[in-house]
C-alpha atoms as a PDB file:
ATOM      1  CA  MET A   1      45.557 -14.099  29.917  1.00  0.00           C
ATOM      2  CA  LYS A   2      46.385 -13.005  26.358  1.00  0.00           C
ATOM      3  CA  ILE A   3      44.434 -15.953  24.917  1.00  0.00           C
ATOM      4  CA  MET A   4      41.411 -15.081  27.077  1.00  0.00           C
ATOM      5  CA  LYS A   5      41.600 -11.438  25.985  1.00  0.00           C
ATOM      6  CA  LYS A   6      41.727 -12.473  22.312  1.00  0.00           C
ATOM      7  CA  LEU A   7      38.699 -14.729  22.841  1.00  0.00           C
ATOM      8  CA  LEU A   8      36.766 -11.920  24.506  1.00  0.00           C
ATOM      9  CA  LEU A   9      37.724  -9.543  21.711  1.00  0.00           C
ATOM     10  CA  TYR A  10      36.503 -12.034  19.099  1.00  0.00           C
ATOM     11  CA  LEU A  11      33.172 -12.521  20.909  1.00  0.00           C
ATOM     12  CA  ALA A  12      32.736  -8.758  21.301  1.00  0.00           C
ATOM     13  CA  LYS A  13      33.266  -8.190  17.581  1.00  0.00           C
ATOM     14  CA  LYS A  14      30.847 -10.990  16.704  1.00  0.00           C
ATOM     15  CA  ASN A  15      28.121  -9.393  18.831  1.00  0.00           C
ATOM     16  CA  LYS A  16      28.813  -5.752  17.993  1.00  0.00           C
ATOM     17  CA  PHE A  17      25.820  -3.876  16.573  1.00  0.00           C
ATOM     18  CA  SER A  18      26.572  -1.869  13.425  1.00  0.00           C
ATOM     19  CA  ILE A  19      24.249  -0.657  10.682  1.00  0.00           C
ATOM     20  CA  ILE A  20      27.222  -0.856   8.336  1.00  0.00           C
ATOM     21  CA  ASP A  21      27.705  -4.540   9.166  1.00  0.00           C
ATOM     22  CA  LEU A  22      23.987  -5.236   8.679  1.00  0.00           C
ATOM     23  CA  VAL A  23      23.937  -3.541   5.272  1.00  0.00           C
ATOM     24  CA  GLU A  24      26.909  -5.610   4.173  1.00  0.00           C
ATOM     25  CA  LYS A  25      25.773  -8.905   5.724  1.00  0.00           C
ATOM     26  CA  PHE A  26      22.290  -8.792   4.192  1.00  0.00           C
ATOM     27  CA  ASN A  27      23.410  -7.172   0.943  1.00  0.00           C
ATOM     28  CA  ILE A  28      20.988  -4.273   1.354  1.00  0.00           C
ATOM     29  CA  ASN A  29      20.803  -2.153  -1.763  1.00  0.00           C
ATOM     30  CA  LYS A  30      22.096   1.389  -1.191  1.00  0.00           C
ATOM     31  CA  GLY A  31      19.323   3.161  -3.066  1.00  0.00           C
ATOM     32  CA  VAL A  32      16.819   4.878  -0.766  1.00  0.00           C
ATOM     33  CA  LEU A  33      17.064   5.045   3.022  1.00  0.00           C
ATOM     34  CA  LEU A  34      14.080   6.401   4.976  1.00  0.00           C
ATOM     35  CA  HIS A  35      14.852   7.346   8.572  1.00  0.00           C
ATOM     36  CA  VAL A  36      11.771   8.140  10.682  1.00  0.00           C
ATOM     37  CA  GLY A  37      12.695   9.820  13.945  1.00  0.00           C
ATOM     38  CA  GLY A  38      15.739  11.658  12.672  1.00  0.00           C
ATOM     39  CA  ASN A  39      16.223  13.577  15.927  1.00  0.00           C
ATOM     40  CA  VAL A  40      19.398  15.659  15.389  1.00  0.00           C
ATOM     41  CA  GLY A  41      20.980  13.320  12.837  1.00  0.00           C
ATOM     42  CA  GLN A  42      23.189  11.218  15.088  1.00  0.00           C
ATOM     43  CA  GLU A  43      23.436   8.558  12.343  1.00  0.00           C
ATOM     44  CA  LEU A  44      24.578  10.994   9.645  1.00  0.00           C
ATOM     45  CA  PRO A  45      28.297   9.978   9.726  1.00  0.00           C
ATOM     46  CA  VAL A  46      27.313   6.297   9.313  1.00  0.00           C
ATOM     47  CA  TYR A  47      24.951   7.060   6.430  1.00  0.00           C
ATOM     48  CA  GLN A  48      27.683   9.088   4.761  1.00  0.00           C
ATOM     49  CA  LEU A  49      30.009   6.096   4.956  1.00  0.00           C
ATOM     50  CA  LEU A  50      27.339   3.813   3.505  1.00  0.00           C
ATOM     51  CA  LYS A  51      26.797   6.188   0.553  1.00  0.00           C
ATOM     52  CA  PHE A  52      23.087   5.646  -0.032  1.00  0.00           C
ATOM     53  CA  ASN A  53      21.858   7.359  -3.218  1.00  0.00           C
ATOM     54  CA  LYS A  54      19.096   9.096  -1.270  1.00  0.00           C
ATOM     55  CA  VAL A  55      18.513   9.567   2.454  1.00  0.00           C
ATOM     56  CA  ILE A  56      15.152  10.924   3.599  1.00  0.00           C
ATOM     57  CA  TRP A  57      14.942  12.094   7.208  1.00  0.00           C
ATOM     58  CA  VAL A  58      11.616  12.561   9.002  1.00  0.00           C
ATOM     59  CA  GLU A  59      11.588  14.646  12.189  1.00  0.00           C
ATOM     60  CA  GLY A  60       8.655  16.441  13.777  1.00  0.00           C
ATOM     61  CA  TRP A  61      10.059  18.410  16.708  1.00  0.00           C
ATOM     62  CA  PRO A  62      11.121  21.804  15.240  1.00  0.00           C
ATOM     63  CA  PRO A  63      14.313  22.395  17.301  1.00  0.00           C
ATOM     64  CA  PHE A  64      15.608  18.913  16.407  1.00  0.00           C
ATOM     65  CA  ALA A  65      14.597  19.393  12.764  1.00  0.00           C
ATOM     66  CA  ASP A  66      16.421  22.742  12.645  1.00  0.00           C
ATOM     67  CA  GLU A  67      19.624  21.155  13.946  1.00  0.00           C
ATOM     68  CA  LEU A  68      19.292  18.223  11.548  1.00  0.00           C
ATOM     69  CA  GLU A  69      18.633  20.515   8.587  1.00  0.00           C
ATOM     70  CA  GLU A  70      21.776  22.456   9.386  1.00  0.00           C
ATOM     71  CA  LYS A  71      23.824  19.241   9.452  1.00  0.00           C
ATOM     72  CA  ILE A  72      22.623  18.012   6.041  1.00  0.00           C
ATOM     73  CA  LYS A  73      22.908  21.412   4.362  1.00  0.00           C
ATOM     74  CA  GLY A  74      24.915  21.017   1.156  1.00  0.00           C
ATOM     75  CA  LEU A  75      24.394  17.254   0.994  1.00  0.00           C
ATOM     76  CA  ASP A  76      22.408  16.809  -2.222  1.00  0.00           C
ATOM     77  CA  ASN A  77      21.408  13.209  -1.472  1.00  0.00           C
ATOM     78  CA  HIS A  78      19.896  14.108   1.916  1.00  0.00           C
ATOM     79  CA  SER A  79      16.489  15.702   2.472  1.00  0.00           C
ATOM     80  CA  LEU A  80      14.301  16.454   5.486  1.00  0.00           C
ATOM     81  CA  ILE A  81      10.555  16.060   5.992  1.00  0.00           C
ATOM     82  CA  ARG A  82       9.295  18.009   9.013  1.00  0.00           C
ATOM     83  CA  SER A  83       6.515  15.840  10.394  1.00  0.00           C
ATOM     84  CA  MET A  84       5.528  14.092  13.618  1.00  0.00           C
ATOM     85  CA  ILE A  85       4.305  10.637  12.587  1.00  0.00           C
ATOM     86  CA  SER A  86       1.329   8.740  14.021  1.00  0.00           C
ATOM     87  CA  ASP A  87      -1.465   6.520  12.709  1.00  0.00           C
ATOM     88  CA  ALA A  88      -4.003   9.348  12.218  1.00  0.00           C
ATOM     89  CA  ASN A  89      -3.729  12.872  10.815  1.00  0.00           C
ATOM     90  CA  THR A  90      -5.984  14.126  13.622  1.00  0.00           C
ATOM     91  CA  SER A  91      -3.697  12.878  16.389  1.00  0.00           C
ATOM     92  CA  VAL A  92      -2.150  15.384  18.769  1.00  0.00           C
ATOM     93  CA  VAL A  93       0.626  14.103  21.018  1.00  0.00           C
ATOM     94  CA  ASN A  94       2.139  15.437  24.201  1.00  0.00           C
ATOM     95  CA  PHE A  95       5.753  15.233  23.050  1.00  0.00           C
ATOM     96  CA  SER A  96       8.251  14.738  25.890  1.00  0.00           C
ATOM     97  CA  ILE A  97      11.694  16.307  25.495  1.00  0.00           C
ATOM     98  CA  ALA A  98      14.384  14.175  27.133  1.00  0.00           C
ATOM     99  CA  SER A  99      17.620  15.564  28.547  1.00  0.00           C
ATOM    100  CA  ASN A 100      19.682  13.464  26.107  1.00  0.00           C
ATOM    101  CA  LYS A 101      17.464  14.448  23.115  1.00  0.00           C
ATOM    102  CA  GLY A 102      17.517  10.919  21.671  1.00  0.00           C
ATOM    103  CA  SER A 103      15.019   9.520  24.192  1.00  0.00           C
ATOM    104  CA  SER A 104      12.366  12.170  23.492  1.00  0.00           C
ATOM    105  CA  THR A 105       9.009  10.499  22.959  1.00  0.00           C
ATOM    106  CA  ALA A 106       5.342  10.983  22.104  1.00  0.00           C
ATOM    107  CA  PHE A 107       4.452   8.420  24.794  1.00  0.00           C
ATOM    108  CA  GLU A 108       4.387   8.680  28.558  1.00  0.00           C
ATOM    109  CA  VAL A 109       7.349   6.789  29.995  1.00  0.00           C
ATOM    110  CA  THR A 110       6.794   4.172  32.692  1.00  0.00           C
ATOM    111  CA  ASN A 111       8.628   3.470  35.944  1.00  0.00           C
ATOM    112  CA  ILE A 112      10.386   0.597  34.154  1.00  0.00           C
ATOM    113  CA  TRP A 113      11.881   3.134  31.742  1.00  0.00           C
ATOM    114  CA  ARG A 114      12.732   5.579  34.534  1.00  0.00           C
ATOM    115  CA  ASN A 115      14.468   2.901  36.602  1.00  0.00           C
ATOM    116  CA  GLU A 116      16.542   1.747  33.635  1.00  0.00           C
ATOM    117  CA  PHE A 117      17.524   5.251  32.484  1.00  0.00           C
ATOM    118  CA  GLN A 118      18.004   7.068  35.770  1.00  0.00           C
ATOM    119  CA  ASN A 119      20.525   9.433  34.185  1.00  0.00           C
ATOM    120  CA  ILE A 120      17.913  10.718  31.704  1.00  0.00           C
ATOM    121  CA  SER A 121      15.193  13.179  32.675  1.00  0.00           C
ATOM    122  CA  ILE A 122      12.062  14.401  30.906  1.00  0.00           C
ATOM    123  CA  ASP A 123      12.466  18.171  30.850  1.00  0.00           C
ATOM    124  CA  SER A 124       9.371  19.510  29.083  1.00  0.00           C
ATOM    125  CA  PHE A 125       6.160  18.604  27.219  1.00  0.00           C
ATOM    126  CA  HIS A 126       4.789  20.081  23.988  1.00  0.00           C
ATOM    127  CA  LYS A 127       1.564  19.501  22.038  1.00  0.00           C
ATOM    128  CA  ILE A 128       2.262  18.563  18.404  1.00  0.00           C
ATOM    129  CA  LYS A 129      -0.134  17.596  15.619  1.00  0.00           C
ATOM    130  CA  CYS A 130       0.743  14.386  13.791  1.00  0.00           C
ATOM    131  CA  GLU A 131       0.478  13.067  10.235  1.00  0.00           C
ATOM    132  CA  ARG A 132       0.307   9.631   8.652  1.00  0.00           C
ATOM    133  CA  LEU A 133       3.482   8.546   6.910  1.00  0.00           C
ATOM    134  CA  ASP A 134       1.686   7.541   3.703  1.00  0.00           C
ATOM    135  CA  ASP A 135       0.116  11.008   3.422  1.00  0.00           C
ATOM    136  CA  VAL A 136       3.487  12.651   4.008  1.00  0.00           C
ATOM    137  CA  LEU A 137       5.128  10.566   1.279  1.00  0.00           C
ATOM    138  CA  LEU A 138       2.227  11.135  -1.125  1.00  0.00           C
ATOM    139  CA  LYS A 139       2.591  14.890  -0.702  1.00  0.00           C
ATOM    140  CA  LYS A 140       6.224  14.516  -1.773  1.00  0.00           C
ATOM    141  CA  ASN A 141       5.139  12.421  -4.808  1.00  0.00           C
ATOM    142  CA  PHE A 142       7.339   9.616  -3.501  1.00  0.00           C
ATOM    143  CA  ASP A 143       6.980   6.465  -5.602  1.00  0.00           C
ATOM    144  CA  SER A 144      10.309   4.645  -5.189  1.00  0.00           C
ATOM    145  CA  GLN A 145      11.253   1.447  -3.410  1.00  0.00           C
ATOM    146  CA  ILE A 146      12.614   1.961   0.101  1.00  0.00           C
ATOM    147  CA  ASP A 147      15.698  -0.211   0.422  1.00  0.00           C
ATOM    148  CA  LEU A 148      16.054   0.398   4.156  1.00  0.00           C
ATOM    149  CA  MET A 149      13.638   2.045   6.565  1.00  0.00           C
ATOM    150  CA  VAL A 150      14.875   2.947  10.038  1.00  0.00           C
ATOM    151  CA  LEU A 151      12.238   3.515  12.735  1.00  0.00           C
ATOM    152  CA  ASP A 152      13.591   5.046  15.923  1.00  0.00           C
ATOM    153  CA  ILE A 153      10.692   6.924  17.496  1.00  0.00           C
ATOM    154  CA  GLU A 154      10.631   5.777  21.108  1.00  0.00           C
ATOM    155  CA  GLY A 155       7.358   3.864  21.309  1.00  0.00           C
ATOM    156  CA  SER A 156       5.608   5.179  18.189  1.00  0.00           C
ATOM    157  CA  GLU A 157       6.997   2.482  15.893  1.00  0.00           C
ATOM    158  CA  LEU A 158       3.765   0.507  15.507  1.00  0.00           C
ATOM    159  CA  LYS A 159       1.719   3.647  14.824  1.00  0.00           C
ATOM    160  CA  ALA A 160       4.242   4.621  12.144  1.00  0.00           C
ATOM    161  CA  LEU A 161       4.073   1.156  10.579  1.00  0.00           C
ATOM    162  CA  ILE A 162       0.273   1.296  10.472  1.00  0.00           C
ATOM    163  CA  SER A 163       0.436   4.775   8.935  1.00  0.00           C
ATOM    164  CA  LEU A 164       2.504   3.471   6.002  1.00  0.00           C
ATOM    165  CA  GLY A 165      -0.613   2.018   4.385  1.00  0.00           C
ATOM    166  CA  ASP A 166       0.277   0.553   0.993  1.00  0.00           C
ATOM    167  CA  TYR A 167       3.803   1.961   1.266  1.00  0.00           C
ATOM    168  CA  ILE A 168       4.621  -1.040   3.473  1.00  0.00           C
ATOM    169  CA  ASN A 169       4.851  -3.006   0.209  1.00  0.00           C
ATOM    170  CA  ARG A 170       7.641  -0.721  -1.046  1.00  0.00           C
ATOM    171  CA  ILE A 171       9.982  -1.535   1.842  1.00  0.00           C
ATOM    172  CA  ASN A 172      12.724  -4.135   1.383  1.00  0.00           C
ATOM    173  CA  PHE A 173      14.298  -3.990   4.854  1.00  0.00           C
ATOM    174  CA  ALA A 174      13.203  -2.305   8.089  1.00  0.00           C
ATOM    175  CA  LEU A 175      15.380  -1.692  11.146  1.00  0.00           C
ATOM    176  CA  ILE A 176      13.050  -1.018  14.065  1.00  0.00           C
ATOM    177  CA  GLU A 177      13.671  -0.136  17.694  1.00  0.00           C
ATOM    178  CA  VAL A 178      11.650  -2.533  19.861  1.00  0.00           C
ATOM    179  CA  SER A 179      10.610  -2.685  23.537  1.00  0.00           C
ATOM    180  CA  PHE A 180      10.933  -5.922  25.478  1.00  0.00           C
ATOM    181  CA  ARG A 181       9.115  -4.478  28.495  1.00  0.00           C
ATOM    182  CA  GLU A 182       6.382  -1.876  29.094  1.00  0.00           C
ATOM    183  CA  ASN A 183       8.696   1.105  28.624  1.00  0.00           C
ATOM    184  CA  PHE A 184       5.866   3.383  27.447  1.00  0.00           C
ATOM    185  CA  VAL A 185       2.273   3.657  28.636  1.00  0.00           C
ATOM    186  CA  ASP A 186       0.152   1.828  26.018  1.00  0.00           C
ATOM    187  CA  GLY A 187       3.234   1.466  23.825  1.00  0.00           C
ATOM    188  CA  PRO A 188       3.816  -1.622  21.645  1.00  0.00           C
ATOM    189  CA  LEU A 189       5.975  -4.519  22.745  1.00  0.00           C
ATOM    190  CA  PHE A 190       8.463  -6.446  20.647  1.00  0.00           C
ATOM    191  CA  VAL A 191       5.915  -9.209  19.974  1.00  0.00           C
ATOM    192  CA  ASP A 192       3.435  -6.605  18.652  1.00  0.00           C
ATOM    193  CA  ILE A 193       5.989  -5.351  16.133  1.00  0.00           C
ATOM    194  CA  ASP A 194       6.911  -8.944  15.222  1.00  0.00           C
ATOM    195  CA  LYS A 195       3.262  -9.857  14.617  1.00  0.00           C
ATOM    196  CA  PHE A 196       2.598  -6.809  12.433  1.00  0.00           C
ATOM    197  CA  MET A 197       5.714  -7.363  10.346  1.00  0.00           C
ATOM    198  CA  ALA A 198       5.087 -11.105   9.931  1.00  0.00           C
ATOM    199  CA  ASN A 199       1.489 -10.440   8.854  1.00  0.00           C
ATOM    200  CA  HIS A 200       2.837  -8.100   6.161  1.00  0.00           C
ATOM    201  CA  GLY A 201       5.357 -10.591   4.791  1.00  0.00           C
ATOM    202  CA  PHE A 202       8.489  -9.609   6.725  1.00  0.00           C
ATOM    203  CA  ASN A 203      10.829 -12.094   8.378  1.00  0.00           C
ATOM    204  CA  ARG A 204      12.957 -11.047  11.330  1.00  0.00           C
ATOM    205  CA  VAL A 205      16.553 -11.744  10.314  1.00  0.00           C
ATOM    206  CA  TYR A 206      18.491 -10.022  13.103  1.00  0.00           C
ATOM    207  CA  LEU A 207      17.950  -8.931  16.697  1.00  0.00           C
ATOM    208  CA  LYS A 208      20.150  -6.918  19.026  1.00  0.00           C
ATOM    209  CA  ALA A 209      18.870  -7.145  22.591  1.00  0.00           C
ATOM    210  CA  GLY A 210      19.573  -4.697  25.388  1.00  0.00           C
ATOM    211  CA  ALA A 211      18.229  -4.835  28.936  1.00  0.00           C
ATOM    212  CA  ILE A 212      14.695  -3.608  28.121  1.00  0.00           C
ATOM    213  CA  SER A 213      14.835  -2.702  24.433  1.00  0.00           C
ATOM    214  CA  GLY A 214      16.698  -3.494  21.240  1.00  0.00           C
ATOM    215  CA  ASP A 215      16.803  -3.286  17.462  1.00  0.00           C
ATOM    216  CA  ALA A 216      15.249  -5.776  15.045  1.00  0.00           C
ATOM    217  CA  LEU A 217      15.937  -6.052  11.326  1.00  0.00           C
ATOM    218  CA  TYR A 218      13.126  -7.350   9.099  1.00  0.00           C
ATOM    219  CA  LYS A 219      13.411  -8.501   5.491  1.00  0.00           C
ATOM    220  CA  LYS A 220      10.510  -8.448   3.036  1.00  0.00           C
ATOM    221  CA  MET A 221       9.711 -11.927   1.739  1.00  0.00           C
ATOM    222  CA  ASN A 222       7.296 -13.138  -0.905  1.00  0.00           C
ATOM    223  CA  LYS A 223       5.431 -15.013   1.808  1.00  0.00           C
ATOM    224  CA  LEU A 224       6.173 -16.291   5.292  1.00  0.00           C
ATOM    225  CA  ASN A 225       5.399 -19.921   5.979  1.00  0.00           C
ATOM    226  CA  ILE A 226       3.892 -21.200   9.213  1.00  0.00           C
ATOM    227  CA  LEU A 227       7.316 -22.203  10.584  1.00  0.00           C
ATOM    228  CA  ASP A 228       8.571 -18.622  10.175  1.00  0.00           C
ATOM    229  CA  HIS A 229       5.556 -17.345  12.136  1.00  0.00           C
ATOM    230  CA  ILE A 230       6.090 -19.934  14.863  1.00  0.00           C
ATOM    231  CA  TYR A 231       9.822 -19.168  15.114  1.00  0.00           C
ATOM    232  CA  MET A 232       9.189 -15.427  15.430  1.00  0.00           C
ATOM    233  CA  TRP A 233       6.486 -16.014  18.057  1.00  0.00           C
ATOM    234  CA  ILE A 234       8.644 -18.343  20.161  1.00  0.00           C
ATOM    235  CA  THR A 235      11.826 -16.267  20.022  1.00  0.00           C
ATOM    236  CA  GLY A 236       9.948 -12.994  20.500  1.00  0.00           C
ATOM    237  CA  ASN A 237       8.200 -14.198  23.640  1.00  0.00           C
ATOM    238  CA  ALA A 238      11.402 -15.810  24.911  1.00  0.00           C
ATOM    239  CA  VAL A 239      13.310 -12.527  24.671  1.00  0.00           C
ATOM    240  CA  GLN A 240      10.499 -10.621  26.388  1.00  0.00           C
ATOM    241  CA  LEU A 241      10.395 -13.201  29.187  1.00  0.00           C
ATOM    242  CA  SER A 242      14.185 -12.970  29.546  1.00  0.00           C
ATOM    243  CA  SER A 243      13.881  -9.202  29.856  1.00  0.00           C
ATOM    244  CA  SER A 244      11.137  -9.491  32.495  1.00  0.00           C
ATOM    245  CA  LEU A 245      13.355 -11.896  34.466  1.00  0.00           C
ATOM    246  CA  LYS A 246      16.238  -9.428  34.012  1.00  0.00           C
ATOM    247  CA  ILE A 247      18.335 -12.030  32.185  1.00  0.00           C
ATOM    248  CA  THR A 248      18.965  -9.584  29.333  1.00  0.00           C
ATOM    249  CA  LYS A 249      20.157  -7.027  31.896  1.00  0.00           C
ATOM    250  CA  VAL A 250      22.692  -9.523  33.221  1.00  0.00           C
ATOM    251  CA  ILE A 251      23.877 -10.146  29.650  1.00  0.00           C
ATOM    252  CA  VAL A 252      24.331  -6.392  29.126  1.00  0.00           C
ATOM    253  CA  ILE A 253      26.346  -6.137  32.362  1.00  0.00           C
ATOM    254  CA  VAL A 254      28.574  -9.027  31.231  1.00  0.00           C
ATOM    255  CA  LYS A 255      29.082  -7.379  27.824  1.00  0.00           C
ATOM    256  CA  ASN A 256      30.114  -4.115  29.494  1.00  0.00           C
ATOM    257  CA  LEU A 257      32.528  -6.030  31.713  1.00  0.00           C
ATOM    258  CA  VAL A 258      34.044  -7.702  28.648  1.00  0.00           C
ATOM    259  CA  LYS A 259      34.542  -4.287  27.044  1.00  0.00           C
ATOM    260  CA  ARG A 260      36.392  -3.020  30.117  1.00  0.00           C
ATOM    261  CA  ILE A 261      38.663  -6.097  30.146  1.00  0.00           C
ATOM    262  CA  ILE A 262      39.427  -5.693  26.438  1.00  0.00           C
ATOM    263  CA  ASN A 263      40.235  -2.003  26.824  1.00  0.00           C
ATOM    264  CA  GLU A 264      42.608  -2.527  29.760  1.00  0.00           C
END
């Protein structure tokens, strides 16, 4: 039993998702970190441990931005941009406030999302005007390389990527939340994000898969060859198919069971 528990512990550590581990594994420079969808700064303790020279938070819902601003007060290397990001400055979104805050979204959630997150409710809706990310950065006279960009905006990831314009060429790594199923009405799927990133010279180097969504890390390359494109297309579609067949959900259940066994 002890041997089995040690094996399970080893496998759990190998598959544990950690931004800290990713930064170390891929030798990501700790210069500038851009986090779009800052919410209330849940990642702040991790970013403090990583000691990036500069952390730029982008958050467009005023109550969340107020709470985030309070948390980073006195931290000279942290700054906040109050902006709701989309692919057009004329866009107005019906922003949904979720009961857990972190799942708040500019997209309408689907029944797939509701069935998966039955403990989360959408409590209110608010009209908010959006801005393009490149315009926001230009206003701040931002002209540095972005060592790591984190996109966690519940369905708006592709719109944010499009809104980067030429700033996409300043990004070295991008950690993006991705949907394996139709979690949001007219929202992008994992393969849509993969295609956009590949077409802009990014190779997917890491993927953490949950039941219906996950996190993908992309690395800027000089140029992707045809085999890289084919690999991303095959693996991307395979993961989405696995999610549709609920295979990824089974994997998540097994992982949770392993955690319980380890903690006993």
